[in-house]
Amino acid sequence: MTKLPSKETIKRRTISDMKELGVHKSQYNRLVDIYSELVFQYLKLNQEFEEGGYEYETYTAAGGAKKSPIVATLESLRKDILAYSDRLCLNPKSMDAVTVEKEQKSSLASILNNLND
């Protein structure tokens, strides 16, 4: 059994990834918090699903089979995580539609920076 990362670890990694991609702003942190919670829930449920022997069907009183509640929850979480990852620009598809703002230096700052080199 592998140890799951905490919600805070997921949040820190997400913010780090966003900064590396050049798309992080502190105003997004509430969305990052929700995204981190969804990822944590997904990892926890997936671990339970694995420990339960990947039981993907349950049987009804009428004798039929239906999708296990844990599978339905995992599917729902996957969709939510994908939606949030799109909004946070954490997947290749969403990065195609975004122009990353790069910090521009003034001419004076560039000259001074070159003097130090």
PDB file of N, CA and C in Angstrom:
ATOM      1  N   MET A   1       0.846  -1.173   0.000  1.00  0.00           N
ATOM      2  CA  MET A   1       0.000   0.000   0.000  1.00  0.00           C
ATOM      3  C   MET A   1       0.896   1.243   0.000  1.00  0.00           C
ATOM      4  N   THR A   2       0.684   2.088  -0.984  1.00  0.00           N
ATOM      5  CA  THR A   2       1.486   3.306  -1.070  1.00  0.00           C
ATOM      6  C   THR A   2       0.842   4.424  -0.260  1.00  0.00           C
ATOM      7  N   LYS A   3       1.688   5.286   0.252  1.00  0.00           N
ATOM      8  CA  LYS A   3       1.191   6.403   1.040  1.00  0.00           C
ATOM      9  C   LYS A   3       0.678   7.495   0.108  1.00  0.00           C
ATOM     10  N   LEU A   4      -0.505   7.977   0.386  1.00  0.00           N
ATOM     11  CA  LEU A   4      -1.102   9.028  -0.429  1.00  0.00           C
ATOM     12  C   LEU A   4      -0.538  10.394  -0.045  1.00  0.00           C
ATOM     13  N   PRO A   5      -0.337  11.258  -1.045  1.00  0.00           N
ATOM     14  CA  PRO A   5       0.077  12.619  -0.696  1.00  0.00           C
ATOM     15  C   PRO A   5      -1.082  13.345  -0.015  1.00  0.00           C
ATOM     16  N   SER A   6      -0.763  14.241   0.878  1.00  0.00           N
ATOM     17  CA  SER A   6      -1.807  14.995   1.560  1.00  0.00           C
ATOM     18  C   SER A   6      -2.381  16.039   0.611  1.00  0.00           C
ATOM     19  N   LYS A   7      -3.510  16.596   1.004  1.00  0.00           N
ATOM     20  CA  LYS A   7      -4.139  17.645   0.209  1.00  0.00           C
ATOM     21  C   LYS A   7      -3.184  18.834   0.079  1.00  0.00           C
ATOM     22  N   GLU A   8      -2.498  19.172   1.156  1.00  0.00           N
ATOM     23  CA  GLU A   8      -1.563  20.303   1.125  1.00  0.00           C
ATOM     24  C   GLU A   8      -0.378  20.035   0.185  1.00  0.00           C
ATOM     25  N   THR A   9       0.096  18.796   0.154  1.00  0.00           N
ATOM     26  CA  THR A   9       1.177  18.435  -0.756  1.00  0.00           C
ATOM     27  C   THR A   9       0.718  18.578  -2.202  1.00  0.00           C
ATOM     28  N   ILE A  10      -0.491  18.112  -2.481  1.00  0.00           N
ATOM     29  CA  ILE A  10      -1.052  18.233  -3.830  1.00  0.00           C
ATOM     30  C   ILE A  10      -1.190  19.704  -4.205  1.00  0.00           C
ATOM     31  N   LYS A  11      -1.639  20.515  -3.255  1.00  0.00           N
ATOM     32  CA  LYS A  11      -1.808  21.949  -3.505  1.00  0.00           C
ATOM     33  C   LYS A  11      -0.458  22.604  -3.811  1.00  0.00           C
ATOM     34  N   ARG A  12       0.559  22.308  -3.004  1.00  0.00           N
ATOM     35  CA  ARG A  12       1.886  22.895  -3.230  1.00  0.00           C
ATOM     36  C   ARG A  12       2.447  22.488  -4.593  1.00  0.00           C
ATOM     37  N   ARG A  13       2.287  21.216  -4.943  1.00  0.00           N
ATOM     38  CA  ARG A  13       2.783  20.734  -6.233  1.00  0.00           C
ATOM     39  C   ARG A  13       2.030  21.391  -7.388  1.00  0.00           C
ATOM     40  N   THR A  14       0.733  21.560  -7.224  1.00  0.00           N
ATOM     41  CA  THR A  14      -0.081  22.188  -8.266  1.00  0.00           C
ATOM     42  C   THR A  14       0.358  23.629  -8.486  1.00  0.00           C
ATOM     43  N   ILE A  15       0.537  24.368  -7.405  1.00  0.00           N
ATOM     44  CA  ILE A  15       0.980  25.757  -7.513  1.00  0.00           C
ATOM     45  C   ILE A  15       2.370  25.816  -8.141  1.00  0.00           C
ATOM     46  N   SER A  16       3.241  24.906  -7.744  1.00  0.00           N
ATOM     47  CA  SER A  16       4.586  24.849  -8.320  1.00  0.00           C
ATOM     48  C   SER A  16       4.522  24.579  -9.826  1.00  0.00           C
ATOM     49  N   ASP A  17       3.687  23.633 -10.224  1.00  0.00           N
ATOM     50  CA  ASP A  17       3.516  23.325 -11.648  1.00  0.00           C
ATOM     51  C   ASP A  17       2.984  24.530 -12.414  1.00  0.00           C
ATOM     52  N   MET A  18       2.005  25.213 -11.827  1.00  0.00           N
ATOM     53  CA  MET A  18       1.430  26.386 -12.486  1.00  0.00           C
ATOM     54  C   MET A  18       2.467  27.494 -12.631  1.00  0.00           C
ATOM     55  N   LYS A  19       3.287  27.683 -11.612  1.00  0.00           N
ATOM     56  CA  LYS A  19       4.334  28.702 -11.687  1.00  0.00           C
ATOM     57  C   LYS A  19       5.339  28.350 -12.777  1.00  0.00           C
ATOM     58  N   GLU A  20       5.689  27.074 -12.849  1.00  0.00           N
ATOM     59  CA  GLU A  20       6.630  26.622 -13.870  1.00  0.00           C
ATOM     60  C   GLU A  20       6.070  26.846 -15.279  1.00  0.00           C
ATOM     61  N   LEU A  21       4.752  26.668 -15.429  1.00  0.00           N
ATOM     62  CA  LEU A  21       4.112  26.888 -16.721  1.00  0.00           C
ATOM     63  C   LEU A  21       3.836  28.365 -16.995  1.00  0.00           C
ATOM     64  N   GLY A  22       3.994  29.194 -15.975  1.00  0.00           N
ATOM     65  CA  GLY A  22       3.771  30.626 -16.129  1.00  0.00           C
ATOM     66  C   GLY A  22       2.312  31.035 -16.097  1.00  0.00           C
ATOM     67  N   VAL A  23       1.466  30.230 -15.432  1.00  0.00           N
ATOM     68  CA  VAL A  23       0.031  30.533 -15.413  1.00  0.00           C
ATOM     69  C   VAL A  23      -0.518  30.772 -14.015  1.00  0.00           C
ATOM     70  N   HIS A  24       0.336  30.793 -12.995  1.00  0.00           N
ATOM     71  CA  HIS A  24      -0.172  30.951 -11.628  1.00  0.00           C
ATOM     72  C   HIS A  24      -0.377  32.412 -11.256  1.00  0.00           C
ATOM     73  N   LYS A  25      -1.497  32.669 -10.617  1.00  0.00           N
ATOM     74  CA  LYS A  25      -1.783  33.945  -9.979  1.00  0.00           C
ATOM     75  C   LYS A  25      -2.396  33.618  -8.630  1.00  0.00           C
ATOM     76  N   SER A  26      -2.115  34.417  -7.637  1.00  0.00           N
ATOM     77  CA  SER A  26      -2.613  34.116  -6.292  1.00  0.00           C
ATOM     78  C   SER A  26      -4.143  34.104  -6.235  1.00  0.00           C
ATOM     79  N   GLN A  27      -4.788  34.799  -7.150  1.00  0.00           N
ATOM     80  CA  GLN A  27      -6.253  34.806  -7.185  1.00  0.00           C
ATOM     81  C   GLN A  27      -6.825  33.429  -7.516  1.00  0.00           C
ATOM     82  N   TYR A  28      -6.025  32.549  -8.086  1.00  0.00           N
ATOM     83  CA  TYR A  28      -6.491  31.209  -8.445  1.00  0.00           C
ATOM     84  C   TYR A  28      -6.415  30.224  -7.286  1.00  0.00           C
ATOM     85  N   ASN A  29      -5.878  30.629  -6.161  1.00  0.00           N
ATOM     86  CA  ASN A  29      -5.616  29.684  -5.072  1.00  0.00           C
ATOM     87  C   ASN A  29      -6.882  29.001  -4.534  1.00  0.00           C
ATOM     88  N   ARG A  30      -8.027  29.681  -4.574  1.00  0.00           N
ATOM     89  CA  ARG A  30      -9.270  29.002  -4.147  1.00  0.00           C
ATOM     90  C   ARG A  30      -9.605  27.853  -5.077  1.00  0.00           C
ATOM     91  N   LEU A  31      -9.420  28.065  -6.385  1.00  0.00           N
ATOM     92  CA  LEU A  31      -9.653  26.984  -7.342  1.00  0.00           C
ATOM     93  C   LEU A  31      -8.634  25.863  -7.156  1.00  0.00           C
ATOM     94  N   VAL A  32      -7.399  26.253  -6.877  1.00  0.00           N
ATOM     95  CA  VAL A  32      -6.348  25.251  -6.633  1.00  0.00           C
ATOM     96  C   VAL A  32      -6.711  24.425  -5.402  1.00  0.00           C
ATOM     97  N   ASP A  33      -7.274  25.062  -4.394  1.00  0.00           N
ATOM     98  CA  ASP A  33      -7.680  24.364  -3.170  1.00  0.00           C
ATOM     99  C   ASP A  33      -8.758  23.323  -3.478  1.00  0.00           C
ATOM    100  N   ILE A  34      -9.747  23.695  -4.270  1.00  0.00           N
ATOM    101  CA  ILE A  34     -10.814  22.759  -4.643  1.00  0.00           C
ATOM    102  C   ILE A  34     -10.245  21.627  -5.489  1.00  0.00           C
ATOM    103  N   TYR A  35      -9.404  21.983  -6.453  1.00  0.00           N
ATOM    104  CA  TYR A  35      -8.764  20.985  -7.308  1.00  0.00           C
ATOM    105  C   TYR A  35      -7.958  19.984  -6.474  1.00  0.00           C
ATOM    106  N   SER A  36      -7.221  20.496  -5.506  1.00  0.00           N
ATOM    107  CA  SER A  36      -6.402  19.633  -4.641  1.00  0.00           C
ATOM    108  C   SER A  36      -7.272  18.671  -3.845  1.00  0.00           C
ATOM    109  N   GLU A  37      -8.397  19.170  -3.348  1.00  0.00           N
ATOM    110  CA  GLU A  37      -9.332  18.310  -2.611  1.00  0.00           C
ATOM    111  C   GLU A  37      -9.888  17.210  -3.508  1.00  0.00           C
ATOM    112  N   LEU A  38     -10.253  17.565  -4.744  1.00  0.00           N
ATOM    113  CA  LEU A  38     -10.769  16.564  -5.686  1.00  0.00           C
ATOM    114  C   LEU A  38      -9.730  15.491  -5.994  1.00  0.00           C
ATOM    115  N   VAL A  39      -8.485  15.917  -6.223  1.00  0.00           N
ATOM    116  CA  VAL A  39      -7.417  14.956  -6.517  1.00  0.00           C
ATOM    117  C   VAL A  39      -7.177  14.053  -5.312  1.00  0.00           C
ATOM    118  N   PHE A  40      -7.180  14.633  -4.122  1.00  0.00           N
ATOM    119  CA  PHE A  40      -6.990  13.834  -2.908  1.00  0.00           C
ATOM    120  C   PHE A  40      -8.112  12.795  -2.762  1.00  0.00           C
ATOM    121  N   GLN A  41      -9.358  13.234  -2.943  1.00  0.00           N
ATOM    122  CA  GLN A  41     -10.486  12.302  -2.855  1.00  0.00           C
ATOM    123  C   GLN A  41     -10.357  11.190  -3.894  1.00  0.00           C
ATOM    124  N   TYR A  42      -9.973  11.551  -5.102  1.00  0.00           N
ATOM    125  CA  TYR A  42      -9.818  10.568  -6.163  1.00  0.00           C
ATOM    126  C   TYR A  42      -8.756   9.532  -5.792  1.00  0.00           C
ATOM    127  N   LEU A  43      -7.606  10.000  -5.322  1.00  0.00           N
ATOM    128  CA  LEU A  43      -6.532   9.075  -4.950  1.00  0.00           C
ATOM    129  C   LEU A  43      -6.957   8.154  -3.809  1.00  0.00           C
ATOM    130  N   LYS A  44      -7.667   8.711  -2.834  1.00  0.00           N
ATOM    131  CA  LYS A  44      -8.120   7.920  -1.681  1.00  0.00           C
ATOM    132  C   LYS A  44      -9.141   6.859  -2.115  1.00  0.00           C
ATOM    133  N   LEU A  45     -10.117   7.276  -2.914  1.00  0.00           N
ATOM    134  CA  LEU A  45     -11.121   6.315  -3.391  1.00  0.00           C
ATOM    135  C   LEU A  45     -10.507   5.263  -4.308  1.00  0.00           C
ATOM    136  N   ASN A  46      -9.559   5.677  -5.130  1.00  0.00           N
ATOM    137  CA  ASN A  46      -8.905   4.726  -6.018  1.00  0.00           C
ATOM    138  C   ASN A  46      -8.140   3.679  -5.217  1.00  0.00           C
ATOM    139  N   GLN A  47      -7.519   4.110  -4.123  1.00  0.00           N
ATOM    140  CA  GLN A  47      -6.822   3.172  -3.249  1.00  0.00           C
ATOM    141  C   GLN A  47      -7.822   2.184  -2.618  1.00  0.00           C
ATOM    142  N   GLU A  48      -8.970   2.688  -2.168  1.00  0.00           N
ATOM    143  CA  GLU A  48     -10.000   1.811  -1.605  1.00  0.00           C
ATOM    144  C   GLU A  48     -10.514   0.832  -2.654  1.00  0.00           C
ATOM    145  N   PHE A  49     -10.691   1.328  -3.880  1.00  0.00           N
ATOM    146  CA  PHE A  49     -11.158   0.481  -4.978  1.00  0.00           C
ATOM    147  C   PHE A  49     -10.155  -0.647  -5.240  1.00  0.00           C
ATOM    148  N   GLU A  50      -8.872  -0.309  -5.217  1.00  0.00           N
ATOM    149  CA  GLU A  50      -7.815  -1.298  -5.412  1.00  0.00           C
ATOM    150  C   GLU A  50      -7.813  -2.319  -4.274  1.00  0.00           C
ATOM    151  N   GLU A  51      -7.909  -1.825  -3.034  1.00  0.00           N
ATOM    152  CA  GLU A  51      -7.908  -2.720  -1.875  1.00  0.00           C
ATOM    153  C   GLU A  51      -9.142  -3.620  -1.846  1.00  0.00           C
ATOM    154  N   GLY A  52     -10.229  -3.161  -2.443  1.00  0.00           N
ATOM    155  CA  GLY A  52     -11.458  -3.953  -2.506  1.00  0.00           C
ATOM    156  C   GLY A  52     -11.475  -4.939  -3.654  1.00  0.00           C
ATOM    157  N   GLY A  53     -10.360  -5.074  -4.341  1.00  0.00           N
ATOM    158  CA  GLY A  53     -10.265  -6.053  -5.425  1.00  0.00           C
ATOM    159  C   GLY A  53     -10.891  -5.575  -6.722  1.00  0.00           C
ATOM    160  N   TYR A  54     -10.986  -4.280  -6.911  1.00  0.00           N
ATOM    161  CA  TYR A  54     -11.552  -3.691  -8.126  1.00  0.00           C
ATOM    162  C   TYR A  54     -12.957  -4.206  -8.428  1.00  0.00           C
ATOM    163  N   GLU A  55     -13.763  -4.257  -7.416  1.00  0.00           N
ATOM    164  CA  GLU A  55     -15.138  -4.720  -7.584  1.00  0.00           C
ATOM    165  C   GLU A  55     -15.941  -3.610  -8.265  1.00  0.00           C
ATOM    166  N   TYR A  56     -16.190  -3.794  -9.556  1.00  0.00           N
ATOM    167  CA  TYR A  56     -16.805  -2.736 -10.354  1.00  0.00           C
ATOM    168  C   TYR A  56     -18.308  -2.905 -10.541  1.00  0.00           C
ATOM    169  N   GLU A  57     -18.855  -4.034 -10.112  1.00  0.00           N
ATOM    170  CA  GLU A  57     -20.295  -4.252 -10.225  1.00  0.00           C
ATOM    171  C   GLU A  57     -20.877  -4.681  -8.886  1.00  0.00           C
ATOM    172  N   THR A  58     -22.097  -4.256  -8.650  1.00  0.00           N
ATOM    173  CA  THR A  58     -22.859  -4.756  -7.510  1.00  0.00           C
ATOM    174  C   THR A  58     -24.138  -5.349  -8.060  1.00  0.00           C
ATOM    175  N   TYR A  59     -24.718  -6.240  -7.312  1.00  0.00           N
ATOM    176  CA  TYR A  59     -25.927  -6.912  -7.787  1.00  0.00           C
ATOM    177  C   TYR A  59     -27.150  -6.353  -7.080  1.00  0.00           C
ATOM    178  N   THR A  60     -28.189  -6.176  -7.844  1.00  0.00           N
ATOM    179  CA  THR A  60     -29.430  -5.618  -7.321  1.00  0.00           C
ATOM    180  C   THR A  60     -30.279  -6.724  -6.713  1.00  0.00           C
ATOM    181  N   ALA A  61     -31.323  -6.331  -6.006  1.00  0.00           N
ATOM    182  CA  ALA A  61     -32.230  -7.304  -5.402  1.00  0.00           C
ATOM    183  C   ALA A  61     -32.942  -8.132  -6.471  1.00  0.00           C
ATOM    184  N   ALA A  62     -33.106  -7.551  -7.651  1.00  0.00           N
ATOM    185  CA  ALA A  62     -33.777  -8.255  -8.742  1.00  0.00           C
ATOM    186  C   ALA A  62     -32.841  -9.233  -9.450  1.00  0.00           C
ATOM    187  N   GLY A  63     -31.583  -9.269  -9.048  1.00  0.00           N
ATOM    188  CA  GLY A  63     -30.636 -10.211  -9.633  1.00  0.00           C
ATOM    189  C   GLY A  63     -29.798  -9.639 -10.756  1.00  0.00           C
ATOM    190  N   GLY A  64     -30.022  -8.402 -11.117  1.00  0.00           N
ATOM    191  CA  GLY A  64     -29.222  -7.764 -12.160  1.00  0.00           C
ATOM    192  C   GLY A  64     -27.963  -7.149 -11.582  1.00  0.00           C
ATOM    193  N   ALA A  65     -27.109  -6.722 -12.466  1.00  0.00           N
ATOM    194  CA  ALA A  65     -25.863  -6.077 -12.043  1.00  0.00           C
ATOM    195  C   ALA A  65     -25.904  -4.602 -12.416  1.00  0.00           C
ATOM    196  N   LYS A  66     -25.292  -3.793 -11.569  1.00  0.00           N
ATOM    197  CA  LYS A  66     -25.163  -2.361 -11.878  1.00  0.00           C
ATOM    198  C   LYS A  66     -23.775  -1.908 -11.462  1.00  0.00           C
ATOM    199  N   LYS A  67     -23.413  -0.728 -11.936  1.00  0.00           N
ATOM    200  CA  LYS A  67     -22.099  -0.167 -11.639  1.00  0.00           C
ATOM    201  C   LYS A  67     -21.978   0.074 -10.139  1.00  0.00           C
ATOM    202  N   SER A  68     -20.834  -0.295  -9.598  1.00  0.00           N
ATOM    203  CA  SER A  68     -20.559  -0.091  -8.190  1.00  0.00           C
ATOM    204  C   SER A  68     -20.566   1.409  -7.873  1.00  0.00           C
ATOM    205  N   PRO A  69     -21.065   1.798  -6.702  1.00  0.00           N
ATOM    206  CA  PRO A  69     -21.072   3.220  -6.344  1.00  0.00           C
ATOM    207  C   PRO A  69     -19.684   3.856  -6.349  1.00  0.00           C
ATOM    208  N   ILE A  70     -18.661   3.102  -5.971  1.00  0.00           N
ATOM    209  CA  ILE A  70     -17.308   3.668  -5.948  1.00  0.00           C
ATOM    210  C   ILE A  70     -16.825   3.965  -7.368  1.00  0.00           C
ATOM    211  N   VAL A  71     -17.211   3.136  -8.334  1.00  0.00           N
ATOM    212  CA  VAL A  71     -16.830   3.375  -9.732  1.00  0.00           C
ATOM    213  C   VAL A  71     -17.519   4.629 -10.250  1.00  0.00           C
ATOM    214  N   ALA A  72     -18.784   4.787  -9.936  1.00  0.00           N
ATOM    215  CA  ALA A  72     -19.518   5.983 -10.361  1.00  0.00           C
ATOM    216  C   ALA A  72     -18.906   7.242  -9.752  1.00  0.00           C
ATOM    217  N   THR A  73     -18.499   7.165  -8.501  1.00  0.00           N
ATOM    218  CA  THR A  73     -17.875   8.308  -7.838  1.00  0.00           C
ATOM    219  C   THR A  73     -16.520   8.629  -8.460  1.00  0.00           C
ATOM    220  N   LEU A  74     -15.731   7.602  -8.745  1.00  0.00           N
ATOM    221  CA  LEU A  74     -14.431   7.808  -9.389  1.00  0.00           C
ATOM    222  C   LEU A  74     -14.600   8.463 -10.764  1.00  0.00           C
ATOM    223  N   GLU A  75     -15.592   8.017 -11.529  1.00  0.00           N
ATOM    224  CA  GLU A  75     -15.844   8.608 -12.846  1.00  0.00           C
ATOM    225  C   GLU A  75     -16.222  10.082 -12.720  1.00  0.00           C
ATOM    226  N   SER A  76     -17.058  10.382 -11.760  1.00  0.00           N
ATOM    227  CA  SER A  76     -17.474  11.766 -11.533  1.00  0.00           C
ATOM    228  C   SER A  76     -16.289  12.638 -11.121  1.00  0.00           C
ATOM    229  N   LEU A  77     -15.452  12.118 -10.238  1.00  0.00           N
ATOM    230  CA  LEU A  77     -14.266  12.862  -9.806  1.00  0.00           C
ATOM    231  C   LEU A  77     -13.309  13.095 -10.970  1.00  0.00           C
ATOM    232  N   ARG A  78     -13.152  12.099 -11.839  1.00  0.00           N
ATOM    233  CA  ARG A  78     -12.284  12.267 -13.013  1.00  0.00           C
ATOM    234  C   ARG A  78     -12.759  13.428 -13.880  1.00  0.00           C
ATOM    235  N   LYS A  79     -14.059  13.497 -14.115  1.00  0.00           N
ATOM    236  CA  LYS A  79     -14.622  14.578 -14.925  1.00  0.00           C
ATOM    237  C   LYS A  79     -14.409  15.930 -14.257  1.00  0.00           C
ATOM    238  N   ASP A  80     -14.616  16.000 -12.950  1.00  0.00           N
ATOM    239  CA  ASP A  80     -14.418  17.248 -12.223  1.00  0.00           C
ATOM    240  C   ASP A  80     -12.946  17.671 -12.240  1.00  0.00           C
ATOM    241  N   ILE A  81     -12.045  16.719 -12.036  1.00  0.00           N
ATOM    242  CA  ILE A  81     -10.615  17.015 -12.046  1.00  0.00           C
ATOM    243  C   ILE A  81     -10.196  17.532 -13.427  1.00  0.00           C
ATOM    244  N   LEU A  82     -10.719  16.910 -14.475  1.00  0.00           N
ATOM    245  CA  LEU A  82     -10.396  17.360 -15.824  1.00  0.00           C
ATOM    246  C   LEU A  82     -10.892  18.788 -16.055  1.00  0.00           C
ATOM    247  N   ALA A  83     -12.094  19.090 -15.601  1.00  0.00           N
ATOM    248  CA  ALA A  83     -12.640  20.442 -15.764  1.00  0.00           C
ATOM    249  C   ALA A  83     -11.776  21.474 -15.028  1.00  0.00           C
ATOM    250  N   TYR A  84     -11.393  21.163 -13.800  1.00  0.00           N
ATOM    251  CA  TYR A  84     -10.553  22.092 -13.029  1.00  0.00           C
ATOM    252  C   TYR A  84      -9.154  22.201 -13.627  1.00  0.00           C
ATOM    253  N   SER A  85      -8.596  21.092 -14.103  1.00  0.00           N
ATOM    254  CA  SER A  85      -7.262  21.153 -14.699  1.00  0.00           C
ATOM    255  C   SER A  85      -7.279  21.998 -15.968  1.00  0.00           C
ATOM    256  N   ASP A  86      -8.401  21.983 -16.698  1.00  0.00           N
ATOM    257  CA  ASP A  86      -8.538  22.872 -17.850  1.00  0.00           C
ATOM    258  C   ASP A  86      -8.506  24.331 -17.413  1.00  0.00           C
ATOM    259  N   ARG A  87      -9.267  24.659 -16.397  1.00  0.00           N
ATOM    260  CA  ARG A  87      -9.345  26.046 -15.920  1.00  0.00           C
ATOM    261  C   ARG A  87      -8.018  26.539 -15.355  1.00  0.00           C
ATOM    262  N   LEU A  88      -7.269  25.621 -14.774  1.00  0.00           N
ATOM    263  CA  LEU A  88      -5.982  25.990 -14.172  1.00  0.00           C
ATOM    264  C   LEU A  88      -4.814  25.847 -15.147  1.00  0.00           C
ATOM    265  N   CYS A  89      -5.118  25.488 -16.397  1.00  0.00           N
ATOM    266  CA  CYS A  89      -4.116  25.337 -17.466  1.00  0.00           C
ATOM    267  C   CYS A  89      -3.064  24.290 -17.120  1.00  0.00           C
ATOM    268  N   LEU A  90      -3.514  23.159 -16.619  1.00  0.00           N
ATOM    269  CA  LEU A  90      -2.587  22.102 -16.202  1.00  0.00           C
ATOM    270  C   LEU A  90      -2.528  20.936 -17.178  1.00  0.00           C
ATOM    271  N   ASN A  91      -3.148  21.071 -18.342  1.00  0.00           N
ATOM    272  CA  ASN A  91      -3.042  20.004 -19.323  1.00  0.00           C
ATOM    273  C   ASN A  91      -2.727  20.599 -20.693  1.00  0.00           C
ATOM    274  N   PRO A  92      -2.179  19.816 -21.598  1.00  0.00           N
ATOM    275  CA  PRO A  92      -1.744  20.343 -22.895  1.00  0.00           C
ATOM    276  C   PRO A  92      -2.858  21.015 -23.696  1.00  0.00           C
ATOM    277  N   LYS A  93      -4.057  20.470 -23.657  1.00  0.00           N
ATOM    278  CA  LYS A  93      -5.156  21.045 -24.431  1.00  0.00           C
ATOM    279  C   LYS A  93      -5.450  22.475 -23.983  1.00  0.00           C
ATOM    280  N   SER A  94      -5.494  22.708 -22.694  1.00  0.00           N
ATOM    281  CA  SER A  94      -5.815  24.042 -22.198  1.00  0.00           C
ATOM    282  C   SER A  94      -4.676  25.020 -22.450  1.00  0.00           C
ATOM    283  N   MET A  95      -3.448  24.540 -22.488  1.00  0.00           N
ATOM    284  CA  MET A  95      -2.303  25.427 -22.730  1.00  0.00           C
ATOM    285  C   MET A  95      -2.308  25.969 -24.158  1.00  0.00           C
ATOM    286  N   ASP A  96      -2.921  25.244 -25.103  1.00  0.00           N
ATOM    287  CA  ASP A  96      -2.997  25.716 -26.480  1.00  0.00           C
ATOM    288  C   ASP A  96      -3.819  26.990 -26.600  1.00  0.00           C
ATOM    289  N   ALA A  97      -4.796  27.151 -25.733  1.00  0.00           N
ATOM    290  CA  ALA A  97      -5.717  28.283 -25.813  1.00  0.00           C
ATOM    291  C   ALA A  97      -5.277  29.472 -24.960  1.00  0.00           C
ATOM    292  N   VAL A  98      -4.145  29.358 -24.275  1.00  0.00           N
ATOM    293  CA  VAL A  98      -3.717  30.396 -23.338  1.00  0.00           C
ATOM    294  C   VAL A  98      -2.433  31.048 -23.833  1.00  0.00           C
ATOM    295  N   THR A  99      -2.387  32.348 -23.704  1.00  0.00           N
ATOM    296  CA  THR A  99      -1.125  33.041 -23.946  1.00  0.00           C
ATOM    297  C   THR A  99      -0.555  33.413 -22.588  1.00  0.00           C
ATOM    298  N   VAL A 100       0.629  32.960 -22.341  1.00  0.00           N
ATOM    299  CA  VAL A 100       1.269  33.180 -21.050  1.00  0.00           C
ATOM    300  C   VAL A 100       1.881  34.573 -21.035  1.00  0.00           C
ATOM    301  N   GLU A 101       1.538  35.329 -20.005  1.00  0.00           N
ATOM    302  CA  GLU A 101       2.097  36.669 -19.850  1.00  0.00           C
ATOM    303  C   GLU A 101       3.499  36.551 -19.258  1.00  0.00           C
ATOM    304  N   LYS A 102       4.441  37.147 -19.959  1.00  0.00           N
ATOM    305  CA  LYS A 102       5.806  37.140 -19.452  1.00  0.00           C
ATOM    306  C   LYS A 102       6.109  38.514 -18.890  1.00  0.00           C
ATOM    307  N   GLU A 103       6.828  38.504 -17.796  1.00  0.00           N
ATOM    308  CA  GLU A 103       7.191  39.758 -17.149  1.00  0.00           C
ATOM    309  C   GLU A 103       8.175  40.504 -18.045  1.00  0.00           C
ATOM    310  N   GLN A 104       7.807  41.728 -18.398  1.00  0.00           N
ATOM    311  CA  GLN A 104       8.674  42.517 -19.261  1.00  0.00           C
ATOM    312  C   GLN A 104       9.509  43.467 -18.414  1.00  0.00           C
ATOM    313  N   LYS A 105      10.780  43.544 -18.763  1.00  0.00           N
ATOM    314  CA  LYS A 105      11.672  44.452 -18.052  1.00  0.00           C
ATOM    315  C   LYS A 105      11.757  45.760 -18.837  1.00  0.00           C
ATOM    316  N   SER A 106      11.934  46.807 -18.126  1.00  0.00           N
ATOM    317  CA  SER A 106      12.126  48.094 -18.779  1.00  0.00           C
ATOM    318  C   SER A 106      13.497  48.120 -19.440  1.00  0.00           C
ATOM    319  N   SER A 107      13.682  49.067 -20.328  1.00  0.00           N
ATOM    320  CA  SER A 107      14.978  49.202 -21.010  1.00  0.00           C
ATOM    321  C   SER A 107      16.088  49.466 -20.004  1.00  0.00           C
ATOM    322  N   LEU A 108      15.791  50.309 -19.032  1.00  0.00           N
ATOM    323  CA  LEU A 108      16.794  50.632 -18.013  1.00  0.00           C
ATOM    324  C   LEU A 108      17.171  49.383 -17.207  1.00  0.00           C
ATOM    325  N   ALA A 109      16.162  48.574 -16.844  1.00  0.00           N
ATOM    326  CA  ALA A 109      16.435  47.352 -16.089  1.00  0.00           C
ATOM    327  C   ALA A 109      17.273  46.385 -16.901  1.00  0.00           C
ATOM    328  N   SER A 110      17.025  46.297 -18.201  1.00  0.00           N
ATOM    329  CA  SER A 110      17.811  45.419 -19.068  1.00  0.00           C
ATOM    330  C   SER A 110      19.269  45.869 -19.140  1.00  0.00           C
ATOM    331  N   ILE A 111      19.471  47.185 -19.283  1.00  0.00           N
ATOM    332  CA  ILE A 111      20.829  47.719 -19.354  1.00  0.00           C
ATOM    333  C   ILE A 111      21.585  47.456 -18.051  1.00  0.00           C
ATOM    334  N   LEU A 112      20.919  47.743 -16.926  1.00  0.00           N
ATOM    335  CA  LEU A 112      21.548  47.509 -15.623  1.00  0.00           C
ATOM    336  C   LEU A 112      21.846  46.037 -15.395  1.00  0.00           C
ATOM    337  N   ASN A 113      20.965  45.187 -15.853  1.00  0.00           N
ATOM    338  CA  ASN A 113      21.156  43.744 -15.705  1.00  0.00           C
ATOM    339  C   ASN A 113      22.366  43.302 -16.526  1.00  0.00           C
ATOM    340  N   ASN A 114      22.524  43.850 -17.722  1.00  0.00           N
ATOM    341  CA  ASN A 114      23.658  43.497 -18.577  1.00  0.00           C
ATOM    342  C   ASN A 114      24.981  43.995 -17.990  1.00  0.00           C
ATOM    343  N   LEU A 115      24.956  45.102 -17.249  1.00  0.00           N
ATOM    344  CA  LEU A 115      26.174  45.600 -16.630  1.00  0.00           C
ATOM    345  C   LEU A 115      26.697  44.652 -15.554  1.00  0.00           C
ATOM    346  N   ASN A 116      25.771  43.937 -14.895  1.00  0.00           N
ATOM    347  CA  ASN A 116      26.163  43.016 -13.826  1.00  0.00           C
ATOM    348  C   ASN A 116      26.761  41.718 -14.371  1.00  0.00           C
ATOM    349  N   ASP A 117      26.504  41.399 -15.618  1.00  0.00           N
ATOM    350  CA  ASP A 117      26.997  40.140 -16.193  1.00  0.00           C
ATOM    351  C   ASP A 117      28.416  40.175 -16.585  1.00  0.00           C
TER     352      ASP A 117
END
